[in-house]
Amino acid sequence: MEKVANNGGGGGYWWWAGASGVQLAWGIYSFRKGYAGDSRLMPLKAFGVASLFVGATATATVGTLRASGIHSVKDAIEAGASIRSGLGVKGRG
């Protein structure tokens, strides 16, 4: 599998934002639509709607992290240290 060069920003991660938006819209639509049908399927439908909200949150989070250049735990730690030093807060250690 070939690696594609990502020349600046999160250009390759716009589809994460799109997927997150679609999932969130579908979840809101399903939630507003409410319950209709056989009562035995209600737990399954509730699980499906909850899964849409959880999936939308997950894809939005991953897309935001990837687009901002945070690809590993080390990157996240460095970003946190940069934010703390910018605010004038001393480190923990």
PDB file of N, CA and C in Angstrom:
ATOM      1  N   MET A   1       0.842  -1.168   0.000  1.00  0.00           N
ATOM      2  CA  MET A   1       0.000   0.000   0.000  1.00  0.00           C
ATOM      3  C   MET A   1       0.892   1.237   0.000  1.00  0.00           C
ATOM      4  N   GLU A   2       0.601   2.179  -0.862  1.00  0.00           N
ATOM      5  CA  GLU A   2       1.413   3.380  -0.981  1.00  0.00           C
ATOM      6  C   GLU A   2       0.984   4.424   0.023  1.00  0.00           C
ATOM      7  N   LYS A   3       1.979   5.150   0.524  1.00  0.00           N
ATOM      8  CA  LYS A   3       1.673   6.267   1.407  1.00  0.00           C
ATOM      9  C   LYS A   3       1.536   7.518   0.566  1.00  0.00           C
ATOM     10  N   VAL A   4       0.518   8.286   0.858  1.00  0.00           N
ATOM     11  CA  VAL A   4       0.274   9.521   0.133  1.00  0.00           C
ATOM     12  C   VAL A   4       0.841  10.665   0.954  1.00  0.00           C
ATOM     13  N   ALA A   5       1.614  11.526   0.317  1.00  0.00           N
ATOM     14  CA  ALA A   5       2.178  12.674   1.018  1.00  0.00           C
ATOM     15  C   ALA A   5       1.070  13.664   1.362  1.00  0.00           C
ATOM     16  N   ASN A   6       1.068  14.084   2.614  1.00  0.00           N
ATOM     17  CA  ASN A   6       0.102  15.077   3.063  1.00  0.00           C
ATOM     18  C   ASN A   6       0.845  16.394   3.213  1.00  0.00           C
ATOM     19  N   ASN A   7       0.732  17.241   2.220  1.00  0.00           N
ATOM     20  CA  ASN A   7       1.487  18.486   2.192  1.00  0.00           C
ATOM     21  C   ASN A   7       0.726  19.618   2.858  1.00  0.00           C
ATOM     22  N   GLY A   8       0.762  19.621   4.161  1.00  0.00           N
ATOM     23  CA  GLY A   8       0.180  20.732   4.897  1.00  0.00           C
ATOM     24  C   GLY A   8      -1.235  20.489   5.368  1.00  0.00           C
ATOM     25  N   GLY A   9      -1.426  20.650   6.651  1.00  0.00           N
ATOM     26  CA  GLY A   9      -2.766  20.599   7.228  1.00  0.00           C
ATOM     27  C   GLY A   9      -3.399  19.229   7.176  1.00  0.00           C
ATOM     28  N   GLY A  10      -4.688  19.228   7.309  1.00  0.00           N
ATOM     29  CA  GLY A  10      -5.435  17.985   7.344  1.00  0.00           C
ATOM     30  C   GLY A  10      -6.261  17.793   6.098  1.00  0.00           C
ATOM     31  N   GLY A  11      -5.688  18.061   4.947  1.00  0.00           N
ATOM     32  CA  GLY A  11      -6.421  17.961   3.701  1.00  0.00           C
ATOM     33  C   GLY A  11      -7.028  16.601   3.462  1.00  0.00           C
ATOM     34  N   GLY A  12      -6.386  15.540   3.942  1.00  0.00           N
ATOM     35  CA  GLY A  12      -6.894  14.198   3.735  1.00  0.00           C
ATOM     36  C   GLY A  12      -7.950  13.777   4.735  1.00  0.00           C
ATOM     37  N   TYR A  13      -8.274  14.639   5.673  1.00  0.00           N
ATOM     38  CA  TYR A  13      -9.193  14.246   6.740  1.00  0.00           C
ATOM     39  C   TYR A  13     -10.530  14.978   6.686  1.00  0.00           C
ATOM     40  N   TRP A  14     -10.819  15.650   5.587  1.00  0.00           N
ATOM     41  CA  TRP A  14     -12.112  16.301   5.456  1.00  0.00           C
ATOM     42  C   TRP A  14     -13.241  15.296   5.429  1.00  0.00           C
ATOM     43  N   TRP A  15     -12.956  14.096   4.941  1.00  0.00           N
ATOM     44  CA  TRP A  15     -14.011  13.085   4.900  1.00  0.00           C
ATOM     45  C   TRP A  15     -14.386  12.621   6.297  1.00  0.00           C
ATOM     46  N   TRP A  16     -13.458  12.747   7.274  1.00  0.00           N
ATOM     47  CA  TRP A  16     -13.810  12.440   8.666  1.00  0.00           C
ATOM     48  C   TRP A  16     -14.871  13.418   9.148  1.00  0.00           C
ATOM     49  N   ALA A  17     -14.682  14.679   8.832  1.00  0.00           N
ATOM     50  CA  ALA A  17     -15.665  15.695   9.228  1.00  0.00           C
ATOM     51  C   ALA A  17     -16.996  15.450   8.529  1.00  0.00           C
ATOM     52  N   GLY A  18     -16.936  15.073   7.259  1.00  0.00           N
ATOM     53  CA  GLY A  18     -18.167  14.780   6.523  1.00  0.00           C
ATOM     54  C   GLY A  18     -18.915  13.596   7.108  1.00  0.00           C
ATOM     55  N   ALA A  19     -18.171  12.535   7.422  1.00  0.00           N
ATOM     56  CA  ALA A  19     -18.792  11.350   8.022  1.00  0.00           C
ATOM     57  C   ALA A  19     -19.390  11.678   9.378  1.00  0.00           C
ATOM     58  N   SER A  20     -18.688  12.482  10.154  1.00  0.00           N
ATOM     59  CA  SER A  20     -19.188  12.874  11.465  1.00  0.00           C
ATOM     60  C   SER A  20     -20.475  13.679  11.336  1.00  0.00           C
ATOM     61  N   GLY A  21     -20.504  14.598  10.383  1.00  0.00           N
ATOM     62  CA  GLY A  21     -21.701  15.410  10.174  1.00  0.00           C
ATOM     63  C   GLY A  21     -22.890  14.576   9.744  1.00  0.00           C
ATOM     64  N   VAL A  22     -22.662  13.632   8.851  1.00  0.00           N
ATOM     65  CA  VAL A  22     -23.746  12.761   8.387  1.00  0.00           C
ATOM     66  C   VAL A  22     -24.268  11.899   9.538  1.00  0.00           C
ATOM     67  N   GLN A  23     -23.356  11.341  10.327  1.00  0.00           N
ATOM     68  CA  GLN A  23     -23.786  10.521  11.457  1.00  0.00           C
ATOM     69  C   GLN A  23     -24.579  11.336  12.467  1.00  0.00           C
ATOM     70  N   LEU A  24     -24.112  12.546  12.751  1.00  0.00           N
ATOM     71  CA  LEU A  24     -24.809  13.386  13.711  1.00  0.00           C
ATOM     72  C   LEU A  24     -26.198  13.771  13.201  1.00  0.00           C
ATOM     73  N   ALA A  25     -26.284  14.139  11.927  1.00  0.00           N
ATOM     74  CA  ALA A  25     -27.583  14.487  11.352  1.00  0.00           C
ATOM     75  C   ALA A  25     -28.533  13.292  11.371  1.00  0.00           C
ATOM     76  N   TRP A  26     -28.019  12.120  11.045  1.00  0.00           N
ATOM     77  CA  TRP A  26     -28.848  10.909  11.052  1.00  0.00           C
ATOM     78  C   TRP A  26     -29.310  10.592  12.468  1.00  0.00           C
ATOM     79  N   GLY A  27     -28.419  10.756  13.450  1.00  0.00           N
ATOM     80  CA  GLY A  27     -28.791  10.520  14.842  1.00  0.00           C
ATOM     81  C   GLY A  27     -29.868  11.477  15.323  1.00  0.00           C
ATOM     82  N   ILE A  28     -29.718  12.762  14.979  1.00  0.00           N
ATOM     83  CA  ILE A  28     -30.725  13.758  15.370  1.00  0.00           C
ATOM     84  C   ILE A  28     -32.056  13.465  14.693  1.00  0.00           C
ATOM     85  N   TYR A  29     -32.003  13.114  13.412  1.00  0.00           N
ATOM     86  CA  TYR A  29     -33.232  12.769  12.689  1.00  0.00           C
ATOM     87  C   TYR A  29     -33.926  11.575  13.350  1.00  0.00           C
ATOM     88  N   SER A  30     -33.155  10.535  13.667  1.00  0.00           N
ATOM     89  CA  SER A  30     -33.734   9.338  14.284  1.00  0.00           C
ATOM     90  C   SER A  30     -34.287   9.644  15.670  1.00  0.00           C
ATOM     91  N   PHE A  31     -33.592  10.494  16.420  1.00  0.00           N
ATOM     92  CA  PHE A  31     -34.044  10.850  17.763  1.00  0.00           C
ATOM     93  C   PHE A  31     -35.345  11.644  17.703  1.00  0.00           C
ATOM     94  N   ARG A  32     -35.414  12.607  16.787  1.00  0.00           N
ATOM     95  CA  ARG A  32     -36.630  13.419  16.655  1.00  0.00           C
ATOM     96  C   ARG A  32     -37.798  12.624  16.102  1.00  0.00           C
ATOM     97  N   LYS A  33     -37.494  11.676  15.242  1.00  0.00           N
ATOM     98  CA  LYS A  33     -38.542  10.857  14.650  1.00  0.00           C
ATOM     99  C   LYS A  33     -39.254  10.063  15.734  1.00  0.00           C
ATOM    100  N   GLY A  34     -38.512   9.672  16.740  1.00  0.00           N
ATOM    101  CA  GLY A  34     -39.100   8.951  17.853  1.00  0.00           C
ATOM    102  C   GLY A  34     -39.307   7.485  17.558  1.00  0.00           C
ATOM    103  N   TYR A  35     -40.114   6.881  18.379  1.00  0.00           N
ATOM    104  CA  TYR A  35     -40.352   5.442  18.285  1.00  0.00           C
ATOM    105  C   TYR A  35     -41.561   5.159  17.413  1.00  0.00           C
ATOM    106  N   ALA A  36     -41.398   4.238  16.502  1.00  0.00           N
ATOM    107  CA  ALA A  36     -42.526   3.787  15.684  1.00  0.00           C
ATOM    108  C   ALA A  36     -42.314   2.318  15.365  1.00  0.00           C
ATOM    109  N   GLY A  37     -43.332   1.529  15.549  1.00  0.00           N
ATOM    110  CA  GLY A  37     -43.222   0.127  15.194  1.00  0.00           C
ATOM    111  C   GLY A  37     -43.416  -0.804  16.369  1.00  0.00           C
ATOM    112  N   ASP A  38     -42.889  -1.977  16.234  1.00  0.00           N
ATOM    113  CA  ASP A  38     -43.039  -3.049  17.209  1.00  0.00           C
ATOM    114  C   ASP A  38     -42.248  -2.730  18.479  1.00  0.00           C
ATOM    115  N   SER A  39     -42.863  -2.894  19.632  1.00  0.00           N
ATOM    116  CA  SER A  39     -42.215  -2.549  20.896  1.00  0.00           C
ATOM    117  C   SER A  39     -41.042  -3.470  21.219  1.00  0.00           C
ATOM    118  N   ARG A  40     -41.021  -4.657  20.616  1.00  0.00           N
ATOM    119  CA  ARG A  40     -39.909  -5.581  20.889  1.00  0.00           C
ATOM    120  C   ARG A  40     -38.605  -5.095  20.261  1.00  0.00           C
ATOM    121  N   LEU A  41     -38.692  -4.222  19.268  1.00  0.00           N
ATOM    122  CA  LEU A  41     -37.504  -3.714  18.595  1.00  0.00           C
ATOM    123  C   LEU A  41     -37.007  -2.394  19.180  1.00  0.00           C
ATOM    124  N   MET A  42     -37.709  -1.862  20.168  1.00  0.00           N
ATOM    125  CA  MET A  42     -37.324  -0.573  20.723  1.00  0.00           C
ATOM    126  C   MET A  42     -35.899  -0.572  21.287  1.00  0.00           C
ATOM    127  N   PRO A  43     -35.455  -1.574  22.050  1.00  0.00           N
ATOM    128  CA  PRO A  43     -34.066  -1.551  22.528  1.00  0.00           C
ATOM    129  C   PRO A  43     -33.042  -1.531  21.392  1.00  0.00           C
ATOM    130  N   LEU A  44     -33.322  -2.241  20.330  1.00  0.00           N
ATOM    131  CA  LEU A  44     -32.410  -2.254  19.187  1.00  0.00           C
ATOM    132  C   LEU A  44     -32.357  -0.885  18.517  1.00  0.00           C
ATOM    133  N   LYS A  45     -33.513  -0.247  18.381  1.00  0.00           N
ATOM    134  CA  LYS A  45     -33.557   1.087  17.771  1.00  0.00           C
ATOM    135  C   LYS A  45     -32.854   2.108  18.660  1.00  0.00           C
ATOM    136  N   ALA A  46     -33.043   2.016  19.970  1.00  0.00           N
ATOM    137  CA  ALA A  46     -32.368   2.936  20.892  1.00  0.00           C
ATOM    138  C   ALA A  46     -30.851   2.752  20.825  1.00  0.00           C
ATOM    139  N   PHE A  47     -30.403   1.504  20.740  1.00  0.00           N
ATOM    140  CA  PHE A  47     -28.978   1.227  20.612  1.00  0.00           C
ATOM    141  C   PHE A  47     -28.441   1.805  19.308  1.00  0.00           C
ATOM    142  N   GLY A  48     -29.212   1.700  18.241  1.00  0.00           N
ATOM    143  CA  GLY A  48     -28.786   2.238  16.953  1.00  0.00           C
ATOM    144  C   GLY A  48     -28.627   3.747  16.983  1.00  0.00           C
ATOM    145  N   VAL A  49     -29.568   4.444  17.605  1.00  0.00           N
ATOM    146  CA  VAL A  49     -29.486   5.903  17.697  1.00  0.00           C
ATOM    147  C   VAL A  49     -28.296   6.311  18.573  1.00  0.00           C
ATOM    148  N   ALA A  50     -28.117   5.617  19.695  1.00  0.00           N
ATOM    149  CA  ALA A  50     -26.976   5.920  20.567  1.00  0.00           C
ATOM    150  C   ALA A  50     -25.659   5.666  19.839  1.00  0.00           C
ATOM    151  N   SER A  51     -25.600   4.621  19.029  1.00  0.00           N
ATOM    152  CA  SER A  51     -24.396   4.319  18.262  1.00  0.00           C
ATOM    153  C   SER A  51     -24.076   5.428  17.270  1.00  0.00           C
ATOM    154  N   LEU A  52     -25.097   6.027  16.687  1.00  0.00           N
ATOM    155  CA  LEU A  52     -24.870   7.140  15.761  1.00  0.00           C
ATOM    156  C   LEU A  52     -24.233   8.330  16.477  1.00  0.00           C
ATOM    157  N   PHE A  53     -24.722   8.645  17.680  1.00  0.00           N
ATOM    158  CA  PHE A  53     -24.141   9.757  18.425  1.00  0.00           C
ATOM    159  C   PHE A  53     -22.707   9.452  18.861  1.00  0.00           C
ATOM    160  N   VAL A  54     -22.452   8.238  19.324  1.00  0.00           N
ATOM    161  CA  VAL A  54     -21.097   7.861  19.733  1.00  0.00           C
ATOM    162  C   VAL A  54     -20.160   7.847  18.527  1.00  0.00           C
ATOM    163  N   GLY A  55     -20.623   7.321  17.414  1.00  0.00           N
ATOM    164  CA  GLY A  55     -19.805   7.290  16.201  1.00  0.00           C
ATOM    165  C   GLY A  55     -19.495   8.681  15.691  1.00  0.00           C
ATOM    166  N   ALA A  56     -20.469   9.575  15.738  1.00  0.00           N
ATOM    167  CA  ALA A  56     -20.248  10.954  15.298  1.00  0.00           C
ATOM    168  C   ALA A  56     -19.211  11.644  16.173  1.00  0.00           C
ATOM    169  N   THR A  57     -19.293  11.411  17.479  1.00  0.00           N
ATOM    170  CA  THR A  57     -18.318  12.002  18.396  1.00  0.00           C
ATOM    171  C   THR A  57     -16.923  11.455  18.132  1.00  0.00           C
ATOM    172  N   ALA A  58     -16.823  10.143  17.921  1.00  0.00           N
ATOM    173  CA  ALA A  58     -15.522   9.521  17.682  1.00  0.00           C
ATOM    174  C   ALA A  58     -14.891  10.012  16.382  1.00  0.00           C
ATOM    175  N   THR A  59     -15.666  10.053  15.306  1.00  0.00           N
ATOM    176  CA  THR A  59     -15.094  10.492  14.041  1.00  0.00           C
ATOM    177  C   THR A  59     -14.727  11.968  14.074  1.00  0.00           C
ATOM    178  N   ALA A  60     -15.514  12.782  14.771  1.00  0.00           N
ATOM    179  CA  ALA A  60     -15.182  14.202  14.889  1.00  0.00           C
ATOM    180  C   ALA A  60     -13.891  14.393  15.682  1.00  0.00           C
ATOM    181  N   THR A  61     -13.736  13.629  16.757  1.00  0.00           N
ATOM    182  CA  THR A  61     -12.531  13.736  17.585  1.00  0.00           C
ATOM    183  C   THR A  61     -11.295  13.304  16.821  1.00  0.00           C
ATOM    184  N   VAL A  62     -11.356  12.147  16.188  1.00  0.00           N
ATOM    185  CA  VAL A  62     -10.207  11.641  15.436  1.00  0.00           C
ATOM    186  C   VAL A  62      -9.878  12.570  14.275  1.00  0.00           C
ATOM    187  N   GLY A  63     -10.880  13.031  13.572  1.00  0.00           N
ATOM    188  CA  GLY A  63     -10.651  13.944  12.460  1.00  0.00           C
ATOM    189  C   GLY A  63     -10.007  15.245  12.903  1.00  0.00           C
ATOM    190  N   THR A  64     -10.467  15.787  14.029  1.00  0.00           N
ATOM    191  CA  THR A  64      -9.894  17.028  14.551  1.00  0.00           C
ATOM    192  C   THR A  64      -8.443  16.832  14.963  1.00  0.00           C
ATOM    193  N   LEU A  65      -8.161  15.742  15.657  1.00  0.00           N
ATOM    194  CA  LEU A  65      -6.779  15.475  16.080  1.00  0.00           C
ATOM    195  C   LEU A  65      -5.861  15.283  14.885  1.00  0.00           C
ATOM    196  N   ARG A  66      -6.294  14.488  13.927  1.00  0.00           N
ATOM    197  CA  ARG A  66      -5.464  14.230  12.746  1.00  0.00           C
ATOM    198  C   ARG A  66      -5.258  15.490  11.917  1.00  0.00           C
ATOM    199  N   ALA A  67      -6.313  16.277  11.742  1.00  0.00           N
ATOM    200  CA  ALA A  67      -6.203  17.489  10.934  1.00  0.00           C
ATOM    201  C   ALA A  67      -5.305  18.529  11.591  1.00  0.00           C
ATOM    202  N   SER A  68      -5.241  18.516  12.928  1.00  0.00           N
ATOM    203  CA  SER A  68      -4.396  19.487  13.626  1.00  0.00           C
ATOM    204  C   SER A  68      -2.960  19.008  13.764  1.00  0.00           C
ATOM    205  N   GLY A  69      -2.652  17.830  13.238  1.00  0.00           N
ATOM    206  CA  GLY A  69      -1.268  17.352  13.237  1.00  0.00           C
ATOM    207  C   GLY A  69      -0.903  16.468  14.409  1.00  0.00           C
ATOM    208  N   ILE A  70      -1.862  16.091  15.221  1.00  0.00           N
ATOM    209  CA  ILE A  70      -1.588  15.210  16.363  1.00  0.00           C
ATOM    210  C   ILE A  70      -1.819  13.780  15.900  1.00  0.00           C
ATOM    211  N   HIS A  71      -0.705  13.054  15.699  1.00  0.00           N
ATOM    212  CA  HIS A  71      -0.786  11.695  15.173  1.00  0.00           C
ATOM    213  C   HIS A  71      -0.358  10.643  16.184  1.00  0.00           C
ATOM    214  N   SER A  72       0.206  11.056  17.310  1.00  0.00           N
ATOM    215  CA  SER A  72       0.640  10.089  18.319  1.00  0.00           C
ATOM    216  C   SER A  72       0.479  10.701  19.705  1.00  0.00           C
ATOM    217  N   VAL A  73       0.688   9.887  20.717  1.00  0.00           N
ATOM    218  CA  VAL A  73       0.596  10.359  22.095  1.00  0.00           C
ATOM    219  C   VAL A  73       1.674  11.404  22.357  1.00  0.00           C
ATOM    220  N   LYS A  74       2.848  11.193  21.780  1.00  0.00           N
ATOM    221  CA  LYS A  74       3.951  12.145  21.953  1.00  0.00           C
ATOM    222  C   LYS A  74       3.555  13.522  21.402  1.00  0.00           C
ATOM    223  N   ASP A  75       2.895  13.536  20.251  1.00  0.00           N
ATOM    224  CA  ASP A  75       2.425  14.801  19.679  1.00  0.00           C
ATOM    225  C   ASP A  75       1.423  15.487  20.610  1.00  0.00           C
ATOM    226  N   ALA A  76       0.539  14.707  21.223  1.00  0.00           N
ATOM    227  CA  ALA A  76      -0.463  15.263  22.137  1.00  0.00           C
ATOM    228  C   ALA A  76       0.205  15.848  23.383  1.00  0.00           C
ATOM    229  N   ILE A  77       1.224  15.163  23.892  1.00  0.00           N
ATOM    230  CA  ILE A  77       1.949  15.659  25.066  1.00  0.00           C
ATOM    231  C   ILE A  77       2.660  16.965  24.733  1.00  0.00           C
ATOM    232  N   GLU A  78       3.284  17.017  23.562  1.00  0.00           N
ATOM    233  CA  GLU A  78       3.958  18.248  23.137  1.00  0.00           C
ATOM    234  C   GLU A  78       2.963  19.393  22.953  1.00  0.00           C
ATOM    235  N   ALA A  79       1.800  19.111  22.388  1.00  0.00           N
ATOM    236  CA  ALA A  79       0.783  20.144  22.219  1.00  0.00           C
ATOM    237  C   ALA A  79       0.291  20.648  23.571  1.00  0.00           C
ATOM    238  N   GLY A  80       0.106  19.734  24.521  1.00  0.00           N
ATOM    239  CA  GLY A  80      -0.315  20.130  25.868  1.00  0.00           C
ATOM    240  C   GLY A  80       0.726  20.989  26.559  1.00  0.00           C
ATOM    241  N   ALA A  81       2.007  20.617  26.394  1.00  0.00           N
ATOM    242  CA  ALA A  81       3.083  21.408  26.994  1.00  0.00           C
ATOM    243  C   ALA A  81       3.136  22.801  26.375  1.00  0.00           C
ATOM    244  N   SER A  82       2.917  22.879  25.077  1.00  0.00           N
ATOM    245  CA  SER A  82       2.915  24.175  24.394  1.00  0.00           C
ATOM    246  C   SER A  82       1.761  25.053  24.884  1.00  0.00           C
ATOM    247  N   ILE A  83       0.600  24.460  25.067  1.00  0.00           N
ATOM    248  CA  ILE A  83      -0.553  25.212  25.561  1.00  0.00           C
ATOM    249  C   ILE A  83      -0.311  25.695  26.984  1.00  0.00           C
ATOM    250  N   ARG A  84       0.230  24.795  27.843  1.00  0.00           N
ATOM    251  CA  ARG A  84       0.510  25.178  29.237  1.00  0.00           C
ATOM    252  C   ARG A  84       1.529  26.300  29.304  1.00  0.00           C
ATOM    253  N   SER A  85       2.592  26.209  28.491  1.00  0.00           N
ATOM    254  CA  SER A  85       3.620  27.268  28.545  1.00  0.00           C
ATOM    255  C   SER A  85       3.060  28.575  27.988  1.00  0.00           C
ATOM    256  N   GLY A  86       2.176  28.491  26.992  1.00  0.00           N
ATOM    257  CA  GLY A  86       1.555  29.686  26.448  1.00  0.00           C
ATOM    258  C   GLY A  86       0.651  30.376  27.458  1.00  0.00           C
ATOM    259  N   LEU A  87       0.048  29.593  28.348  1.00  0.00           N
ATOM    260  CA  LEU A  87      -0.832  30.162  29.376  1.00  0.00           C
ATOM    261  C   LEU A  87      -0.059  30.583  30.628  1.00  0.00           C
ATOM    262  N   GLY A  88       1.222  30.201  30.689  1.00  0.00           N
ATOM    263  CA  GLY A  88       2.042  30.542  31.846  1.00  0.00           C
ATOM    264  C   GLY A  88       1.866  29.598  33.017  1.00  0.00           C
ATOM    265  N   VAL A  89       1.346  28.402  32.773  1.00  0.00           N
ATOM    266  CA  VAL A  89       1.141  27.401  33.816  1.00  0.00           C
ATOM    267  C   VAL A  89       2.377  26.504  33.875  1.00  0.00           C
ATOM    268  N   LYS A  90       2.869  26.257  35.092  1.00  0.00           N
ATOM    269  CA  LYS A  90       4.045  25.401  35.248  1.00  0.00           C
ATOM    270  C   LYS A  90       3.665  23.943  35.045  1.00  0.00           C
ATOM    271  N   GLY A  91       4.641  23.147  34.595  1.00  0.00           N
ATOM    272  CA  GLY A  91       4.418  21.724  34.402  1.00  0.00           C
ATOM    273  C   GLY A  91       4.240  20.980  35.705  1.00  0.00           C
ATOM    274  N   ARG A  92       3.835  19.743  35.612  1.00  0.00           N
ATOM    275  CA  ARG A  92       3.580  18.926  36.808  1.00  0.00           C
ATOM    276  C   ARG A  92       4.870  18.413  37.433  1.00  0.00           C
ATOM    277  N   GLY A  93       5.898  18.269  36.652  1.00  0.00           N
ATOM    278  CA  GLY A  93       7.102  17.593  37.148  1.00  0.00           C
ATOM    279  C   GLY A  93       8.193  18.448  37.443  1.00  0.00           C
TER     280      GLY A  93
END
